[in-house]
């Protein structure tokens, strides 16, 4: 299927490893011109070269970093048609080590970053009457679970998705959340836990993963590519679980 995004300019944050890398690669395969954004110069250059895109070293936790990412992308490639807010931050693991400081860090590293990046690209999308904004949330943005601060921040991101989607829908711009479940990739959190406690993680998979395995980066990236497609014009304000039925929410 031709997704109709060949030649579109896509910016993906935290795009040098894991899910972000998979998304950048997936959009590039569809013919999009991809801007790879992350903190480390060597990493963004390596990934950009591998997919035929551009690499921008920027710290999106800062307002200046967000502005640099957008401005440098537009200077090199033109107006941004697709924004994938993949960057996310964790703080605290349970209520034993979670207080106002951790909640603030989680909201700044998720909701605030996604909001800043979106506000920078949205005016152009509205003017051109076409755009795709995707926020990578989590199964724990749809239901309770995981670290409390992260859970709250991801739920807030999904609220942002719904309210913004309703506001801009008539202008040809869609805003959606893609909510991965437990995704395994080399060097990622689940991989590290698996190496440290293979029996414990095998037990987790047996009890929590109906497919009997972790999800893969490519499985998430394929959904994101469709959400960005011309065919997904009616898909707006959604929270799309990509979790193999790991989640227990009815909605």
Foldseek 3Di string as FASTA:
>chain_A
DQLAQALAEEEFEPQQDFLNVLLQQLLLVSRYAYEYEEADPVRQPVSCVVSVHHYDHFDLLDLVRLVRSQVVSCVVRNAHAEYEAEFFDAFAWEPVRDDPVRLVVRQSRAVVSLVSNCVVRVVVCLVVLAHEYEYAAALLLVDPDTYVSSSVNSVVVLVVQQVVQVVRLVSHYAYEYEHEYFEDDPPDDLNVVCVVCVPVVQVCLVPQAVVSDHHYSNQSSVVVSNCGGPVVSVPHSYYHYPYNPSHDDPD
